[in-house]
């Protein structure tokens, strides 16, 4: 059986393919490490219009999906019991702990939230250790000017490099970190 591609599953309301061209990076670096025919857990920071939640539902049919957003209107994009949306800040570690208490250790964490370097660094430091040992952490839309500092912090924190791919959007990058 051929599984659908990232691009095939991506709705127009998600900018992962149509806005940034991340599909090739996800296909190459992320999807091979996430079980598509077995239960998994996805944590997506930044729900916005719910496009990414629909993407993960289609791409990972057995996954439990948790979305995080500061906007309470995003709860409308939940599809319980499989897809839940939690309202709070990605930089609030007590809130993140509450979300982690509701799910198994994530296979995949995608930070497409505030795009503020302070927020994505706080989230990464707190959530990365809670992931599965074979998990993948992705930070989307890292602006070019913030990239050197983030990579230095990751290198210091993990003692190794992260994988970086450029987006089709000018000056934005996708950072992939393997647990």
Foldseek 3Di string as FASTA:
>chain_A
DDADALVVQQDPVDCCPVPWNVRVVCVPPPVVLADQPEEFEEEEEACDPNRVVSSCCRRRVRYQYEYEAQDPVSQVNADPPRYGYDHDALLDLVSVVVVPVVDQAHQEYEYPHPLDPNSVVSNCVRNVVSHDQFHKYKYWFNFQVCVVVVQVVCCVVVVDGWDWDGIPDPRGIMTMDTD
